[in-house]
């Protein structure tokens, strides 16, 4: 049984015009990158891409006259049946 580490992700929602902080958000996530080479080879984790990266890739393909195509990916983790128990360590400062 492997117990996964956890990490907090903090975000500030700001007003577009004044840059005043409207609210603070926090989300508890499982810490990624704990796979072992050749052991967790077929485990699937959802990669995250920013729109800036997508736009840059499209700009490069236009400039260099590269052929582009569309690929649809099914989201792997959020809608998948998990066949084993997953355990996550509580973050520092949280008591049961």
C-alpha atoms as a PDB file:
ATOM      1  CA  UNK A   1       0.000   0.000   0.000  1.00  0.00           C
ATOM      2  CA  UNK A   2       1.388   3.365  -1.034  1.00  0.00           C
ATOM      3  CA  UNK A   3       0.368   6.525   0.791  1.00  0.00           C
ATOM      4  CA  UNK A   4       0.511   9.580  -1.465  1.00  0.00           C
ATOM      5  CA  UNK A   5       1.688  12.999  -0.299  1.00  0.00           C
ATOM      6  CA  UNK A   6      -0.652  15.964  -0.392  1.00  0.00           C
ATOM      7  CA  UNK A   7      -0.052  19.579  -1.302  1.00  0.00           C
ATOM      8  CA  UNK A   8      -2.113  22.747  -0.944  1.00  0.00           C
ATOM      9  CA  UNK A   9      -2.787  24.914  -4.006  1.00  0.00           C
ATOM     10  CA  UNK A  10      -3.619  28.533  -3.181  1.00  0.00           C
ATOM     11  CA  UNK A  11      -5.166  31.049  -5.548  1.00  0.00           C
ATOM     12  CA  UNK A  12      -6.276  34.666  -5.282  1.00  0.00           C
ATOM     13  CA  UNK A  13      -9.277  35.873  -7.299  1.00  0.00           C
ATOM     14  CA  UNK A  14      -8.690  39.514  -8.291  1.00  0.00           C
ATOM     15  CA  UNK A  15     -10.820  42.257  -9.779  1.00  0.00           C
ATOM     16  CA  UNK A  16      -9.762  42.795 -13.398  1.00  0.00           C
ATOM     17  CA  UNK A  17      -9.751  46.582 -13.215  1.00  0.00           C
ATOM     18  CA  UNK A  18      -8.413  47.361  -9.745  1.00  0.00           C
ATOM     19  CA  UNK A  19      -6.420  44.157  -9.066  1.00  0.00           C
ATOM     20  CA  UNK A  20      -8.020  44.135  -5.614  1.00  0.00           C
ATOM     21  CA  UNK A  21      -8.201  40.668  -4.059  1.00  0.00           C
ATOM     22  CA  UNK A  22     -11.845  39.565  -4.047  1.00  0.00           C
ATOM     23  CA  UNK A  23     -11.442  36.152  -2.430  1.00  0.00           C
ATOM     24  CA  UNK A  24      -8.880  33.529  -1.550  1.00  0.00           C
ATOM     25  CA  UNK A  25      -9.238  29.920  -2.687  1.00  0.00           C
ATOM     26  CA  UNK A  26      -7.471  26.795  -1.452  1.00  0.00           C
ATOM     27  CA  UNK A  27      -7.533  23.282  -2.860  1.00  0.00           C
ATOM     28  CA  UNK A  28      -5.968  20.106  -1.486  1.00  0.00           C
ATOM     29  CA  UNK A  29      -4.319  17.961  -4.169  1.00  0.00           C
ATOM     30  CA  UNK A  30      -2.397  14.735  -4.302  1.00  0.00           C
ATOM     31  CA  UNK A  31       1.261  15.516  -4.903  1.00  0.00           C
ATOM     32  CA  UNK A  32       2.199  14.221  -8.357  1.00  0.00           C
ATOM     33  CA  UNK A  33       5.514  12.971  -9.622  1.00  0.00           C
ATOM     34  CA  UNK A  34       5.823  10.039  -7.233  1.00  0.00           C
ATOM     35  CA  UNK A  35       5.958   7.377  -9.909  1.00  0.00           C
ATOM     36  CA  UNK A  36       8.856   4.955 -10.047  1.00  0.00           C
ATOM     37  CA  UNK A  37      10.472   4.193 -13.389  1.00  0.00           C
ATOM     38  CA  UNK A  38       9.176   0.901 -14.872  1.00  0.00           C
ATOM     39  CA  UNK A  39       7.043   0.205 -11.767  1.00  0.00           C
ATOM     40  CA  UNK A  40       4.185   2.650 -12.428  1.00  0.00           C
ATOM     41  CA  UNK A  41       4.745   2.622 -16.171  1.00  0.00           C
ATOM     42  CA  UNK A  42       1.096   2.123 -17.136  1.00  0.00           C
ATOM     43  CA  UNK A  43      -0.471   4.374 -14.486  1.00  0.00           C
ATOM     44  CA  UNK A  44      -2.337   7.283 -16.034  1.00  0.00           C
ATOM     45  CA  UNK A  45      -2.196  10.816 -14.679  1.00  0.00           C
ATOM     46  CA  UNK A  46      -3.895  13.820 -16.208  1.00  0.00           C
ATOM     47  CA  UNK A  47      -1.442  16.353 -17.662  1.00  0.00           C
ATOM     48  CA  UNK A  48      -2.295  20.026 -17.432  1.00  0.00           C
ATOM     49  CA  UNK A  49      -1.652  22.505 -20.232  1.00  0.00           C
ATOM     50  CA  UNK A  50      -2.115  26.260 -20.204  1.00  0.00           C
ATOM     51  CA  UNK A  51      -3.826  28.177 -22.984  1.00  0.00           C
ATOM     52  CA  UNK A  52      -0.640  30.180 -23.489  1.00  0.00           C
ATOM     53  CA  UNK A  53       1.174  26.938 -24.388  1.00  0.00           C
ATOM     54  CA  UNK A  54      -1.563  25.946 -26.840  1.00  0.00           C
ATOM     55  CA  UNK A  55      -1.498  29.374 -28.491  1.00  0.00           C
ATOM     56  CA  UNK A  56       2.307  29.274 -28.750  1.00  0.00           C
ATOM     57  CA  UNK A  57       2.206  25.830 -30.383  1.00  0.00           C
ATOM     58  CA  UNK A  58      -0.373  27.052 -32.910  1.00  0.00           C
ATOM     59  CA  UNK A  59       1.650  30.201 -33.659  1.00  0.00           C
ATOM     60  CA  UNK A  60       4.775  28.100 -34.254  1.00  0.00           C
ATOM     61  CA  UNK A  61       2.856  25.764 -36.558  1.00  0.00           C
ATOM     62  CA  UNK A  62       1.575  28.723 -38.612  1.00  0.00           C
ATOM     63  CA  UNK A  63       5.006  30.387 -38.856  1.00  0.00           C
ATOM     64  CA  UNK A  64       6.791  27.158 -39.818  1.00  0.00           C
ATOM     65  CA  UNK A  65       3.975  25.883 -42.099  1.00  0.00           C
ATOM     66  CA  UNK A  66       3.581  22.721 -40.019  1.00  0.00           C
ATOM     67  CA  UNK A  67       0.562  20.516 -40.577  1.00  0.00           C
ATOM     68  CA  UNK A  68      -1.790  20.580 -37.583  1.00  0.00           C
ATOM     69  CA  UNK A  69      -4.565  18.170 -36.713  1.00  0.00           C
ATOM     70  CA  UNK A  70      -7.139  17.798 -33.972  1.00  0.00           C
ATOM     71  CA  UNK A  71      -6.970  15.051 -31.382  1.00  0.00           C
ATOM     72  CA  UNK A  72      -9.674  14.477 -28.803  1.00  0.00           C
ATOM     73  CA  UNK A  73      -8.560  13.028 -25.483  1.00  0.00           C
ATOM     74  CA  UNK A  74     -10.916  11.454 -23.001  1.00  0.00           C
ATOM     75  CA  UNK A  75     -10.210  12.682 -19.482  1.00  0.00           C
ATOM     76  CA  UNK A  76      -8.542   9.739 -17.808  1.00  0.00           C
ATOM     77  CA  UNK A  77      -8.595  10.296 -14.064  1.00  0.00           C
ATOM     78  CA  UNK A  78     -11.832  12.099 -13.088  1.00  0.00           C
ATOM     79  CA  UNK A  79     -14.172   9.584 -14.715  1.00  0.00           C
ATOM     80  CA  UNK A  80     -12.221   6.358 -14.335  1.00  0.00           C
ATOM     81  CA  UNK A  81     -13.119   3.511 -12.019  1.00  0.00           C
ATOM     82  CA  UNK A  82     -10.222   3.040  -9.628  1.00  0.00           C
ATOM     83  CA  UNK A  83      -9.595  -0.618  -8.887  1.00  0.00           C
ATOM     84  CA  UNK A  84      -7.489  -0.158  -5.747  1.00  0.00           C
ATOM     85  CA  UNK A  85      -7.638   1.828  -2.535  1.00  0.00           C
ATOM     86  CA  UNK A  86      -5.894   5.202  -2.574  1.00  0.00           C
ATOM     87  CA  UNK A  87      -4.602   6.816   0.598  1.00  0.00           C
ATOM     88  CA  UNK A  88      -3.310  10.355   1.017  1.00  0.00           C
ATOM     89  CA  UNK A  89      -1.284  11.833   3.865  1.00  0.00           C
ATOM     90  CA  UNK A  90      -2.919  14.728   5.653  1.00  0.00           C
ATOM     91  CA  UNK A  91      -1.126  18.038   5.147  1.00  0.00           C
ATOM     92  CA  UNK A  92       0.842  19.611   7.977  1.00  0.00           C
ATOM     93  CA  UNK A  93      -1.380  21.318  10.530  1.00  0.00           C
ATOM     94  CA  UNK A  94      -4.490  19.188   9.904  1.00  0.00           C
ATOM     95  CA  UNK A  95      -5.614  16.947  12.728  1.00  0.00           C
ATOM     96  CA  UNK A  96      -8.095  14.077  12.630  1.00  0.00           C
END
